């Protein structure tokens, strides 16, 4: 029994996820699209289990798991097999550790893998191609645990009311435990990804959806639901659906992945609005017996799971080969093509059913050998790639080496100072992020007297802690170079003011303007503001890396738009030369 208007819920979830991934800085809270999927799955699975219990007084757990397997696994495997050949279009870093990613994706443990490896949609330099399967892992955990519980409960329940009521109570208890886990842990963790990817703290949307399912249903509905169908006017029902959608859109603009309020209230509100939208769609279905959903909406809803699976790796790969707008278009096209092939052709073929694409019926059995041959070749390519790809990418290896070199250089400087050769210490300290760290060899070559203190993902707040510690310990160099910003752009005016206010008299501050090709508008704003500070204060100078990076597009080929190409030393030399010139400029100006 297909419920009309449920397709709108699926499409809403998919749309928010795509917008978030394609335009993160605009749709900062679009990740709640996954929570809409979670809520819908909890609703649908629970309602179908209730229908099965009413129909047969038992739950066929083997049949339940078999249906989940055929719906989930074939598209997932196809996505992995199709993705791997595309990885050869980009640099080898994207294949580093790919075997582990594949194993955890197919084993439905990728959420734990991402927690252990520090995965994050927003801050990884080389994003995992299968990081998005974290949500599928939690979904499978829900299916197995909830399916087993529903199966055992069916053996004990006497009637529909008892079965439905117990499912509601169990859903409410698990919902409360899971949500409170997220709520409490939000105050205790420094990395919100550990909460986001956790099954325990992020499974509650399924159970909120399950609670709404027990209050309505699919085929077997409650008397209260039937009364609402009669009492609610159609405009009211549509208004509730549209209102819920509007609230979800507002959350998409209002929430931020790294804001504690998202974890305290954002996810639960998204799940609640999603549940209300689902309930209203179920009411509207019964109120519009003769209406039909637009065919295009049905189609997108049918292939939404496949689009979700394919879009992320395609976007990462195409993002390395084309501008963001073109990468987004190519991602949608390729995802829809492969999702359509999966849903209408491959999945029916594997399940032993006849394939059908809209009104076109066709049989793949005569082409079985060809299908198996193609799958076999893709499987071989995947196995060879997983076997021979490096466990750690070149980019991460270089950052590690640079960190060790930086530590060794700083240790040597400390030994020199202890020996009494104070002149060996420079009057320049660079507090930087991964871009500065990547340039450590160039700093050693071009600015050997400068002390480099750089680390991956360092933001303004962390840089200020280092800056403040130098002040407290009277170890602050006469010229401080602040080479951070890409990782903390939202409150840059407030953050920069802390540095200018706290800088002691007699010192100078050099600001390195940030550059991010994928967030060019915001980094340009930061750069303009830093230039204004340099005009306002004599003791502030700007190393205009943004301008240099813009003037040299050749150093960004095949990169993430933040870290210049490693094909030669051009990018590193340009970066350090930019800093060097700014330091020389600062030296000619008055100190604070």
Protein backbone atom coordinates (compact mmCIF):
# COMPACT_ATOMS: atom_id res chain seq x y z
CA UNK A 1 0.00 0.00 0.00
CA UNK A 2 1.67 3.17 -1.19
CA UNK A 3 0.81 6.29 0.79
CA UNK A 4 0.48 9.41 -1.30
CA UNK A 5 2.48 12.46 -0.23
CA UNK A 6 5.07 10.42 1.66
CA UNK A 7 7.22 11.05 -1.39
CA UNK A 8 7.32 14.74 -0.44
CA UNK A 9 8.89 13.80 2.89
CA UNK A 10 11.60 11.72 1.19
CA UNK A 11 12.30 14.46 -1.33
CA UNK A 12 12.55 17.04 1.45
CA UNK A 13 15.17 15.00 3.28
CA UNK A 14 17.17 14.44 0.11
CA UNK A 15 16.96 18.09 -0.96
CA UNK A 16 18.28 19.37 2.37
CA UNK A 17 21.21 16.95 2.33
CA UNK A 18 22.19 17.88 -1.22
CA UNK A 19 21.97 21.61 -0.52
CA UNK A 20 24.08 21.18 2.59
CA UNK A 21 26.81 19.28 0.80
CA UNK A 22 26.82 21.51 -2.28
CA UNK A 23 26.51 24.87 -0.50
CA UNK A 24 27.49 24.29 3.12
CA UNK A 25 28.08 27.94 3.94
CA UNK A 26 24.54 28.90 2.87
CA UNK A 27 22.51 25.88 4.04
CA UNK A 28 24.52 25.39 7.21
CA UNK A 29 21.94 23.13 8.85
CA UNK A 30 21.01 21.00 5.86
CA UNK A 31 22.44 17.94 7.60
CA UNK A 32 19.05 17.59 9.31
CA UNK A 33 17.88 16.01 6.06
CA UNK A 34 19.40 12.78 7.39
CA UNK A 35 17.27 13.10 10.52
CA UNK A 36 14.18 13.40 8.34
CA UNK A 37 15.19 10.11 6.69
CA UNK A 38 15.73 8.57 10.13
CA UNK A 39 12.33 9.73 11.35
CA UNK A 40 10.59 8.51 8.21
CA UNK A 41 12.28 5.10 8.41
CA UNK A 42 11.25 4.74 12.05
CA UNK A 43 7.68 5.60 11.14
CA UNK A 44 7.43 3.36 8.09
CA UNK A 45 9.10 0.28 9.57
CA UNK A 46 7.04 0.44 12.77
CA UNK A 47 3.77 0.94 10.89
CA UNK A 48 4.52 -2.00 8.60
CA UNK A 49 5.37 -4.21 11.57
CA UNK A 50 2.04 -3.31 13.16
CA UNK A 51 0.24 -4.15 9.91
CA UNK A 52 2.00 -7.52 9.75
CA UNK A 53 1.09 -8.33 13.34
CA UNK A 54 -2.56 -7.47 12.80
CA UNK A 55 -2.62 -9.52 9.59
CA UNK A 56 -0.89 -12.70 10.83
CA UNK A 57 -0.55 -12.33 14.62
CA UNK A 58 3.20 -12.76 14.27
CA UNK A 59 6.28 -11.18 12.74
CA UNK A 60 8.28 -13.04 10.12
CA UNK A 61 11.71 -11.84 11.26
CA UNK A 62 13.55 -13.69 8.47
CA UNK A 63 11.27 -12.15 5.85
CA UNK A 64 11.69 -8.73 7.46
CA UNK A 65 15.49 -8.94 7.38
CA UNK A 66 15.44 -10.37 3.85
CA UNK A 67 13.40 -7.40 2.59
CA UNK A 68 15.78 -4.99 4.31
CA UNK A 69 18.76 -6.78 2.80
CA UNK A 70 17.45 -6.57 -0.77
CA UNK A 71 16.59 -2.90 -0.35
CA UNK A 72 19.80 -1.81 1.35
CA UNK A 73 22.73 -3.97 0.31
CA UNK A 74 22.61 -4.15 -3.53
CA UNK A 75 22.60 -0.35 -4.03
CA UNK A 76 25.35 0.00 -1.43
CA UNK A 77 27.57 -2.58 -3.12
CA UNK A 78 26.89 -1.06 -6.54
CA UNK A 79 27.82 2.38 -5.23
CA UNK A 80 31.16 1.10 -3.92
CA UNK A 81 31.94 -0.78 -7.15
CA UNK A 82 31.05 2.17 -9.37
CA UNK A 83 32.90 4.73 -7.24
CA UNK A 84 36.31 3.06 -7.21
CA UNK A 85 37.12 3.49 -10.94
CA UNK A 86 36.24 7.18 -10.67
CA UNK A 87 38.84 7.62 -7.91
CA UNK A 88 41.57 7.26 -10.54
CA UNK A 89 40.50 10.62 -11.94
CA UNK A 90 41.85 12.35 -8.82
CA UNK A 91 45.04 12.10 -6.80
CA UNK A 92 45.90 8.94 -4.90
CA UNK A 93 45.19 10.52 -1.48
CA UNK A 94 41.51 9.78 -2.03
CA UNK A 95 42.29 6.06 -2.27
CA UNK A 96 44.40 6.03 0.89
CA UNK A 97 42.89 3.64 3.43
CA UNK A 98 40.06 2.88 1.02
CA UNK A 99 40.01 -0.78 2.06
CA UNK A 100 39.03 0.12 5.60
CA UNK A 101 36.37 2.50 4.36
CA UNK A 102 34.88 -0.18 2.11
CA UNK A 103 34.94 -2.81 4.85
CA UNK A 104 33.21 -0.60 7.39
CA UNK A 105 30.67 0.66 4.85
CA UNK A 106 29.68 -2.88 3.84
CA UNK A 107 29.85 -4.01 7.46
CA UNK A 108 27.58 -1.16 8.58
CA UNK A 109 30.10 0.11 11.12
CA UNK A 110 31.30 3.21 9.29
CA UNK A 111 29.87 5.49 11.98
CA UNK A 112 32.26 3.91 14.51
CA UNK A 113 35.07 4.12 11.94
CA UNK A 114 34.49 7.85 11.48
CA UNK A 115 34.51 8.41 15.24
CA UNK A 116 37.81 6.54 15.61
CA UNK A 117 39.46 8.27 12.65
CA UNK A 118 38.15 11.75 13.46
CA UNK A 119 35.91 11.92 10.39
CA UNK A 120 34.00 15.10 9.69
CA UNK A 121 32.04 16.42 6.70
CA UNK A 122 33.26 19.96 7.25
CA UNK A 123 36.94 19.93 8.21
CA UNK A 124 38.68 16.96 6.62
CA UNK A 125 41.24 17.87 3.99
CA UNK A 126 40.87 14.53 2.20
CA UNK A 127 37.24 13.54 2.93
CA UNK A 128 36.43 9.85 3.16
CA UNK A 129 34.51 8.82 0.06
CA UNK A 130 32.13 6.67 2.10
CA UNK A 131 31.75 8.84 5.20
CA UNK A 132 28.06 9.32 4.33
CA UNK A 133 27.36 5.63 5.01
CA UNK A 134 27.54 6.44 8.72
CA UNK A 135 23.80 7.11 8.54
CA UNK A 136 23.18 3.78 6.84
CA UNK A 137 25.06 2.05 9.66
CA UNK A 138 22.77 3.57 12.29
CA UNK A 139 19.75 2.72 10.13
CA UNK A 140 20.77 -0.94 9.93
CA UNK A 141 21.41 -1.01 13.68
CA UNK A 142 17.85 0.26 14.14
CA UNK A 143 16.38 -2.31 11.74
CA UNK A 144 18.07 -5.23 13.45
CA UNK A 145 17.39 -4.20 17.04
CA UNK A 146 13.85 -2.92 16.47
CA UNK A 147 12.94 -5.84 14.21
CA UNK A 148 14.08 -8.36 16.83
CA UNK A 149 12.19 -6.50 19.56
CA UNK A 150 9.01 -6.36 17.46
CA UNK A 151 9.37 -10.08 16.69
CA UNK A 152 9.73 -11.02 20.37
CA UNK A 153 6.92 -8.66 21.37
CA UNK A 154 4.60 -10.30 18.83
CA UNK A 155 5.05 -13.63 20.62
CA UNK A 156 3.94 -12.05 23.86
CA UNK A 157 1.22 -9.62 22.78
CA UNK A 158 -2.42 -10.66 22.91
CA UNK A 159 -3.97 -8.15 20.56
CA UNK A 160 -3.31 -5.10 18.39
CA UNK A 161 -3.89 -2.58 21.17
CA UNK A 162 -1.40 -4.30 23.45
CA UNK A 163 1.17 -4.63 20.67
CA UNK A 164 0.77 -1.03 19.52
CA UNK A 165 0.84 0.34 23.07
CA UNK A 166 3.96 -1.56 24.04
CA UNK A 167 5.75 -0.40 20.89
CA UNK A 168 4.82 3.17 21.80
CA UNK A 169 6.18 2.85 25.35
CA UNK A 170 9.38 1.17 24.19
CA UNK A 171 9.85 3.86 21.53
CA UNK A 172 9.33 6.61 24.09
CA UNK A 173 11.86 5.11 26.52
CA UNK A 174 14.55 4.58 23.87
CA UNK A 175 13.87 8.02 22.42
CA UNK A 176 14.37 9.61 25.84
CA UNK A 177 17.59 7.69 26.56
CA UNK A 178 19.10 8.47 23.17
CA UNK A 179 18.15 12.15 23.16
CA UNK A 180 19.34 12.70 26.73
CA UNK A 181 22.62 11.06 25.78
CA UNK A 182 23.08 13.61 22.99
CA UNK A 183 21.93 16.45 25.24
CA UNK A 184 24.30 15.63 28.12
CA UNK A 185 27.29 14.72 25.97
CA UNK A 186 26.99 18.04 24.13
CA UNK A 187 28.35 19.71 27.28
CA UNK A 188 31.19 17.24 27.68
CA UNK A 189 32.83 16.79 24.28
CA UNK A 190 35.17 19.01 22.28
CA UNK A 191 34.39 17.28 18.97
CA UNK A 192 30.68 17.15 18.16
CA UNK A 193 31.28 14.54 15.46
CA UNK A 194 31.59 11.89 18.17
CA UNK A 195 27.97 12.61 19.11
CA UNK A 196 26.76 13.03 15.55
CA UNK A 197 28.10 9.66 14.37
CA UNK A 198 27.14 7.73 17.52
CA UNK A 199 24.37 5.15 17.28
CA UNK A 200 23.36 5.66 20.90
CA UNK A 201 23.09 9.43 20.79
CA UNK A 202 21.70 9.80 17.26
CA UNK A 203 19.17 7.00 16.97
CA UNK A 204 16.32 8.86 18.68
CA UNK A 205 14.73 10.24 15.45
CA UNK A 206 13.82 6.66 14.46
CA UNK A 207 11.91 6.21 17.69
CA UNK A 208 10.12 9.53 17.48
CA UNK A 209 8.92 8.39 14.07
CA UNK A 210 7.97 5.03 15.60
CA UNK A 211 5.87 6.78 18.23
CA UNK A 212 3.94 8.65 15.54
CA UNK A 213 3.50 5.37 13.66
CA UNK A 214 1.78 3.77 16.63
CA UNK A 215 -0.57 6.77 16.74
CA UNK A 216 -1.56 6.49 13.09
CA UNK A 217 -0.32 3.58 10.98
CA UNK A 218 -0.31 2.60 7.32
CA UNK A 219 -3.07 0.10 6.64
CA UNK A 220 -4.19 -0.47 10.21
CA UNK A 221 -4.93 2.97 11.63
CA UNK A 222 -6.13 4.12 15.04
CA UNK A 223 -9.56 5.52 15.83
CA UNK A 224 -7.97 8.86 16.80
CA UNK A 225 -6.27 9.04 13.42
CA UNK A 226 -9.51 8.26 11.58
CA UNK A 227 -11.21 10.99 13.58
CA UNK A 228 -8.53 13.48 12.55
CA UNK A 229 -9.06 12.54 8.90
CA UNK A 230 -12.70 13.53 9.31
CA UNK A 231 -12.22 16.61 11.48
CA UNK A 232 -9.21 18.23 9.84
CA UNK A 233 -10.07 20.29 6.81
CA UNK A 234 -7.94 19.69 3.77
CA UNK A 235 -6.49 23.25 3.88
CA UNK A 236 -5.55 22.66 7.52
CA UNK A 237 -3.79 19.40 6.69
CA UNK A 238 -1.93 20.99 3.80
CA UNK A 239 -1.09 23.95 6.04
CA UNK A 240 0.43 21.63 8.65
CA UNK A 241 2.53 19.93 5.98
CA UNK A 242 3.70 23.21 4.47
CA UNK A 243 4.30 24.70 7.92
CA UNK A 244 6.42 21.73 8.96
CA UNK A 245 8.40 22.00 5.75
CA UNK A 246 8.92 25.74 6.33
CA UNK A 247 10.18 25.12 9.85
CA UNK A 248 12.63 22.54 8.51
CA UNK A 249 13.88 25.08 5.99
CA UNK A 250 14.33 27.66 8.76
CA UNK A 251 16.42 25.14 10.70
CA UNK A 252 18.47 24.58 7.57
CA UNK A 253 19.57 28.21 7.68
CA UNK A 254 19.70 28.56 11.47
CA UNK A 255 21.63 25.48 12.64
CA UNK A 256 25.38 25.01 12.57
CA UNK A 257 27.21 21.69 12.88
CA UNK A 258 29.65 23.01 15.51
CA UNK A 259 27.12 24.90 17.65
CA UNK A 260 26.03 23.24 20.88
CA UNK A 261 22.44 24.43 20.40
CA UNK A 262 22.18 22.12 17.39
CA UNK A 263 22.72 19.13 19.67
CA UNK A 264 20.63 20.43 22.54
CA UNK A 265 17.58 21.36 20.46
CA UNK A 266 18.23 21.34 16.70
CA UNK A 267 18.12 17.64 15.92
CA UNK A 268 15.12 16.93 18.11
CA UNK A 269 13.20 19.85 16.58
CA UNK A 270 14.02 18.61 13.08
CA UNK A 271 12.79 15.14 14.00
CA UNK A 272 9.61 16.59 15.52
CA UNK A 273 8.83 18.75 12.48
CA UNK A 274 9.56 15.76 10.24
CA UNK A 275 7.20 13.57 12.27
CA UNK A 276 4.41 16.15 12.06
CA UNK A 277 4.95 16.41 8.30
CA UNK A 278 4.72 12.61 7.98
CA UNK A 279 1.56 12.45 10.08
CA UNK A 280 -0.08 15.23 8.05
CA UNK A 281 0.91 13.46 4.81
CA UNK A 282 -0.75 10.30 6.11
CA UNK A 283 -3.93 12.23 6.88
CA UNK A 284 -3.88 13.93 3.48
CA UNK A 285 -3.60 10.54 1.79
CA UNK A 286 -6.98 9.50 3.17
CA UNK A 287 -8.48 12.90 2.44
CA UNK A 288 -7.51 12.76 -1.24
CA UNK A 289 -8.49 9.26 -2.47
CA UNK A 290 -8.73 10.35 -6.10
CA UNK A 291 -5.63 12.54 -6.24
CA UNK A 292 -2.31 11.43 -7.68
CA UNK A 293 1.18 12.51 -6.80
CA UNK A 294 3.20 14.04 -9.62
CA UNK A 295 5.12 11.29 -11.40
CA UNK A 296 8.39 13.16 -11.07
CA UNK A 297 8.00 13.35 -7.28
CA UNK A 298 7.32 9.62 -7.12
CA UNK A 299 10.37 8.95 -9.26
CA UNK A 300 12.72 11.09 -7.14
CA UNK A 301 11.36 9.48 -3.98
CA UNK A 302 11.92 5.99 -5.41
CA UNK A 303 15.55 6.68 -6.26
CA UNK A 304 16.25 8.96 -3.27
CA UNK A 305 18.17 6.26 -1.39
CA UNK A 306 20.36 5.63 -4.43
CA UNK A 307 20.94 9.33 -5.01
CA UNK A 308 21.98 9.69 -1.38
CA UNK A 309 24.44 6.81 -1.74
CA UNK A 310 26.03 7.97 -4.98
CA UNK A 311 26.04 11.72 -4.52
CA UNK A 312 28.77 12.10 -1.89
CA UNK A 313 31.65 10.22 -3.57
CA UNK A 314 30.73 11.72 -6.94
CA UNK A 315 30.68 15.22 -5.44
CA UNK A 316 34.07 14.76 -3.78
CA UNK A 317 35.59 13.47 -7.03
CA UNK A 318 33.98 16.01 -9.36
CA UNK A 319 34.82 18.74 -6.86
CA UNK A 320 38.48 18.07 -7.58
CA UNK A 321 37.96 18.34 -11.32
CA UNK A 322 35.54 21.24 -11.79
CA UNK A 323 34.15 24.41 -10.15
CA UNK A 324 31.59 23.80 -7.43
CA UNK A 325 28.57 24.71 -9.59
CA UNK A 326 29.62 22.29 -12.32
CA UNK A 327 30.60 19.60 -9.81
CA UNK A 328 27.13 19.90 -8.25
CA UNK A 329 25.39 19.52 -11.61
CA UNK A 330 27.54 16.54 -12.61
CA UNK A 331 26.93 14.96 -9.22
CA UNK A 332 23.16 15.20 -9.57
CA UNK A 333 23.21 13.81 -13.12
CA UNK A 334 25.51 10.87 -12.41
CA UNK A 335 23.77 10.09 -9.11
CA UNK A 336 20.34 10.02 -10.71
CA UNK A 337 21.56 7.83 -13.59
CA UNK A 338 23.16 5.22 -11.34
CA UNK A 339 20.36 5.41 -8.76
CA UNK A 340 17.84 4.76 -11.56
CA UNK A 341 19.85 1.82 -12.86
CA UNK A 342 20.09 0.45 -9.33
CA UNK A 343 16.42 0.81 -8.38
CA UNK A 344 14.74 -0.15 -11.64
CA UNK A 345 17.22 -2.68 -13.04
CA UNK A 346 19.89 -4.09 -10.72
CA UNK A 347 17.81 -4.49 -7.55
CA UNK A 348 14.91 -6.31 -9.29
CA UNK A 349 17.43 -8.49 -11.15
CA UNK A 350 19.15 -9.54 -7.92
CA UNK A 351 15.81 -10.19 -6.22
CA UNK A 352 14.71 -12.37 -9.15
CA UNK A 353 12.02 -9.99 -10.29
CA UNK A 354 11.28 -8.46 -13.67
CA UNK A 355 12.73 -5.02 -14.14
CA UNK A 356 10.42 -2.12 -14.98
CA UNK A 357 11.28 1.49 -15.70
CA UNK A 358 8.03 3.49 -15.53
CA UNK A 359 5.84 1.82 -18.20
CA UNK A 360 8.72 0.00 -19.85
CA UNK A 361 9.05 -3.63 -18.76
CA UNK A 362 12.18 -5.55 -19.63
CA UNK A 363 13.97 -8.73 -18.63
CA UNK A 364 17.68 -8.75 -17.83
CA UNK A 365 17.96 -12.53 -17.64
CA UNK A 366 19.09 -12.89 -21.28
CA UNK A 367 21.89 -10.47 -20.43
CA UNK A 368 22.80 -12.16 -17.14
CA UNK A 369 26.30 -13.11 -18.29
CA UNK A 370 27.04 -9.54 -19.35
CA UNK A 371 25.72 -8.17 -16.06
CA UNK A 372 27.81 -10.61 -14.04
CA UNK A 373 30.86 -9.88 -16.19
CA UNK A 374 30.57 -6.13 -15.57
CA UNK A 375 30.07 -6.67 -11.85
CA UNK A 376 33.01 -9.07 -11.82
CA UNK A 377 35.34 -6.57 -13.46
CA UNK A 378 34.24 -3.82 -11.06
CA UNK A 379 34.75 -6.17 -8.12
CA UNK A 380 38.26 -7.05 -9.29
CA UNK A 381 39.17 -3.38 -9.72
CA UNK A 382 37.83 -2.65 -6.23
CA UNK A 383 39.76 -5.51 -4.61
CA UNK A 384 43.01 -4.56 -6.34
CA UNK A 385 42.55 -0.91 -5.40
CA UNK A 386 41.84 -1.76 -1.76
CA UNK A 387 44.85 -4.11 -1.65
CA UNK A 388 47.47 -1.86 -3.19
CA UNK A 389 46.36 1.61 -2.10
CA UNK A 390 48.45 3.17 0.69
CA UNK A 391 47.09 3.19 4.21
CA UNK A 392 48.01 6.86 4.65
CA UNK A 393 47.83 9.46 1.88
CA UNK A 394 50.70 11.61 0.71
CA UNK A 395 49.06 14.77 2.05
CA UNK A 396 48.69 13.42 5.60
CA UNK A 397 52.19 11.95 5.47
CA UNK A 398 53.63 15.34 4.55
CA UNK A 399 51.74 17.04 7.39
CA UNK A 400 53.09 14.47 9.84
CA UNK A 401 56.64 14.91 8.57
CA UNK A 402 56.30 18.69 8.76
CA UNK A 403 55.01 18.42 12.34
CA UNK A 404 58.03 16.32 13.31
CA UNK A 405 60.41 18.72 11.56
CA UNK A 406 58.75 21.66 13.31
CA UNK A 407 59.09 19.94 16.69
CA UNK A 408 62.75 19.13 16.00
CA UNK A 409 63.52 22.70 14.90
CA UNK A 410 61.82 24.20 17.95
CA UNK A 411 63.68 21.78 20.23
CA UNK A 412 66.98 22.83 18.70
CA UNK A 413 66.11 26.48 19.27
CA UNK A 414 65.36 25.72 22.92
CA UNK A 415 68.73 23.99 23.34
CA UNK A 416 70.46 26.98 21.77
CA UNK A 417 68.76 29.36 24.18
CA UNK A 418 69.74 27.21 27.16
CA UNK A 419 73.34 27.36 25.96
CA UNK A 420 73.15 31.13 26.12
CA UNK A 421 73.05 31.96 22.40
CA UNK A 422 69.96 34.18 22.55
CA UNK A 423 70.67 35.64 19.11
CA UNK A 424 69.83 32.22 17.61
CA UNK A 425 66.19 32.85 18.46
CA UNK A 426 64.29 34.99 16.00
CA UNK A 427 62.05 37.87 16.93
CA UNK A 428 59.35 36.31 14.73
CA UNK A 429 56.82 33.67 15.74
CA UNK A 430 54.31 32.26 13.26
CA UNK A 431 51.15 30.86 14.85
CA UNK A 432 49.57 28.95 12.00
CA UNK A 433 47.24 26.26 10.76
CA UNK A 434 47.78 23.36 8.33
CA UNK A 435 48.64 25.69 5.43
CA UNK A 436 51.52 27.15 7.45
CA UNK A 437 52.48 23.66 8.60
CA UNK A 438 52.55 22.51 4.99
CA UNK A 439 55.02 25.33 4.32
CA UNK A 440 57.44 24.42 7.12
CA UNK A 441 60.29 23.44 4.77
CA UNK A 442 59.95 26.74 2.94
CA UNK A 443 59.99 28.62 6.26
CA UNK A 444 63.20 26.81 7.21
CA UNK A 445 64.74 27.76 3.85
CA UNK A 446 63.51 31.35 3.50
CA UNK A 447 62.94 32.45 7.11
CA UNK A 448 65.31 30.27 9.15
CA UNK A 449 65.20 32.55 12.15
CA UNK A 450 61.43 32.45 12.53
CA UNK A 451 59.78 30.11 15.00
CA UNK A 452 56.89 28.18 13.46
CA UNK A 453 54.06 26.92 15.70
CA UNK A 454 51.48 25.38 13.35
CA UNK A 455 48.93 22.61 13.69
CA UNK A 456 46.16 21.03 11.65
CA UNK A 457 42.70 22.65 11.89
CA UNK A 458 43.87 25.40 14.24
CA UNK A 459 41.32 28.19 14.62
CA UNK A 460 41.39 31.72 16.04
CA UNK A 461 40.48 30.55 19.54
CA UNK A 462 43.26 27.99 19.72
CA UNK A 463 45.75 30.48 18.26
CA UNK A 464 44.77 33.03 20.89
CA UNK A 465 45.44 30.54 23.69
CA UNK A 466 48.99 30.14 22.37
CA UNK A 467 49.35 33.90 21.94
CA UNK A 468 48.11 34.57 25.46
CA UNK A 469 50.42 31.94 26.93
CA UNK A 470 53.42 33.63 25.29
CA UNK A 471 52.37 36.92 26.87
CA UNK A 472 52.00 35.35 30.33
CA UNK A 473 55.38 33.63 30.12
CA UNK A 474 57.17 36.69 28.67
CA UNK A 475 58.18 34.63 25.63
CA UNK A 476 56.31 36.62 23.00
CA UNK A 477 58.37 37.46 19.91
CA UNK A 478 58.55 41.08 18.82
CA UNK A 479 56.65 40.20 15.63
CA UNK A 480 53.73 37.77 15.76
CA UNK A 481 52.46 36.32 12.50
CA UNK A 482 48.87 35.08 12.77
CA UNK A 483 48.36 32.56 9.95
CA UNK A 484 44.92 31.14 10.78
CA UNK A 485 41.34 31.89 9.82
CA UNK A 486 40.07 29.33 7.34
CA UNK A 487 38.78 27.14 10.19
CA UNK A 488 36.98 29.93 12.09
CA UNK A 489 35.51 32.62 9.89
CA UNK A 490 32.12 33.18 11.48
CA UNK A 491 33.22 35.61 14.24
CA UNK A 492 36.43 36.93 12.73
CA UNK A 493 35.94 40.55 13.81
CA UNK A 494 35.54 39.60 17.45
CA UNK A 495 38.43 37.12 17.27
CA UNK A 496 40.85 39.57 15.63
CA UNK A 497 39.94 42.28 18.13
CA UNK A 498 41.14 40.02 20.95
CA UNK A 499 44.61 39.90 19.36
CA UNK A 500 44.90 43.63 18.68
CA UNK A 501 43.64 44.49 22.17
CA UNK A 502 45.94 42.03 23.97
CA UNK A 503 49.10 42.76 21.93
CA UNK A 504 51.58 44.38 24.36
CA UNK A 505 53.28 47.71 23.67
CA UNK A 506 56.39 47.47 21.56
CA UNK A 507 55.13 44.53 19.48
CA UNK A 508 53.87 44.07 15.92
CA UNK A 509 51.17 41.83 14.47
CA UNK A 510 51.14 40.38 10.94
CA UNK A 511 47.85 38.90 9.72
CA UNK A 512 47.93 36.33 6.93
CA UNK A 513 44.72 36.70 4.92
CA UNK A 514 43.00 33.30 4.55
CA UNK A 515 42.17 31.65 1.24
CA UNK A 516 39.55 29.02 0.45
CA UNK A 517 38.47 28.61 -3.16
CA UNK A 518 35.22 26.96 -2.03
CA UNK A 519 34.30 29.80 0.33
CA UNK A 520 35.69 32.73 -1.59
CA UNK A 521 33.06 35.24 -0.48
CA UNK A 522 33.67 34.88 3.23
CA UNK A 523 37.48 34.76 3.06
CA UNK A 524 37.35 37.89 0.89
CA UNK A 525 35.38 39.62 3.66
CA UNK A 526 37.97 38.60 6.24
CA UNK A 527 40.80 39.79 3.99
CA UNK A 528 39.12 43.19 3.46
CA UNK A 529 38.62 43.61 7.20
CA UNK A 530 42.27 42.75 7.90
CA UNK A 531 43.39 45.34 5.37
CA UNK A 532 41.21 47.90 7.19
CA UNK A 533 42.93 46.99 10.46
CA UNK A 534 46.33 47.53 8.83
CA UNK A 535 45.27 51.03 7.78
CA UNK A 536 43.88 51.78 11.23
CA UNK A 537 46.79 50.49 13.31
CA UNK A 538 50.46 51.12 12.51
CA UNK A 539 51.51 47.94 14.29
CA UNK A 540 49.34 45.69 12.05
CA UNK A 541 50.46 44.46 8.64
CA UNK A 542 48.82 42.02 6.24
CA UNK A 543 50.48 39.15 4.41
CA UNK A 544 47.98 39.08 1.58
CA UNK A 545 47.95 35.35 0.84
CA UNK A 546 44.41 35.70 -0.49
CA UNK A 547 45.61 38.00 -3.28
CA UNK A 548 48.67 35.89 -4.08
CA UNK A 549 46.57 32.71 -4.14
CA UNK A 550 44.09 34.38 -6.48
CA UNK A 551 46.87 35.55 -8.78
CA UNK A 552 48.36 32.05 -9.08
CA UNK A 553 45.57 29.62 -10.07
CA UNK A 554 48.21 27.12 -11.24
CA UNK A 555 49.02 26.13 -7.65
CA UNK A 556 45.44 24.96 -6.99
CA UNK A 557 45.08 22.30 -9.66
CA UNK A 558 43.63 19.13 -8.15
CA UNK A 559 43.50 20.51 -4.60
CA UNK A 560 40.86 21.12 -1.95
CA UNK A 561 41.08 24.87 -2.56
CA UNK A 562 42.79 25.52 0.79
CA UNK A 563 46.08 23.65 0.53
CA UNK A 564 48.16 24.41 -2.55
CA UNK A 565 49.37 21.66 -4.89
CA UNK A 566 52.29 19.49 -3.82
CA UNK A 567 53.60 19.04 -7.38
CA UNK A 568 56.54 21.35 -6.62
CA UNK A 569 57.61 23.96 -4.07
CA UNK A 570 55.96 26.90 -5.87
CA UNK A 571 52.98 27.15 -3.52
CA UNK A 572 55.09 26.87 -0.37
CA UNK A 573 57.62 29.43 -1.59
CA UNK A 574 54.88 31.88 -2.54
CA UNK A 575 53.25 31.49 0.86
CA UNK A 576 56.44 32.09 2.84
CA UNK A 577 57.56 34.93 0.57
CA UNK A 578 54.21 36.61 1.19
CA UNK A 579 54.74 36.33 4.94
CA UNK A 580 58.36 37.47 4.63
CA UNK A 581 57.43 40.65 2.74
CA UNK A 582 54.71 41.48 5.27
CA UNK A 583 57.17 41.07 8.15
CA UNK A 584 59.59 43.41 6.39
CA UNK A 585 56.76 45.92 5.90
CA UNK A 586 55.79 45.67 9.57
CA UNK A 587 59.39 46.30 10.64
CA UNK A 588 59.31 49.66 8.86
CA UNK A 589 56.18 50.71 10.74
CA UNK A 590 55.79 51.79 14.34
CA UNK A 591 55.25 49.11 16.96
CA UNK A 592 52.28 49.32 19.30
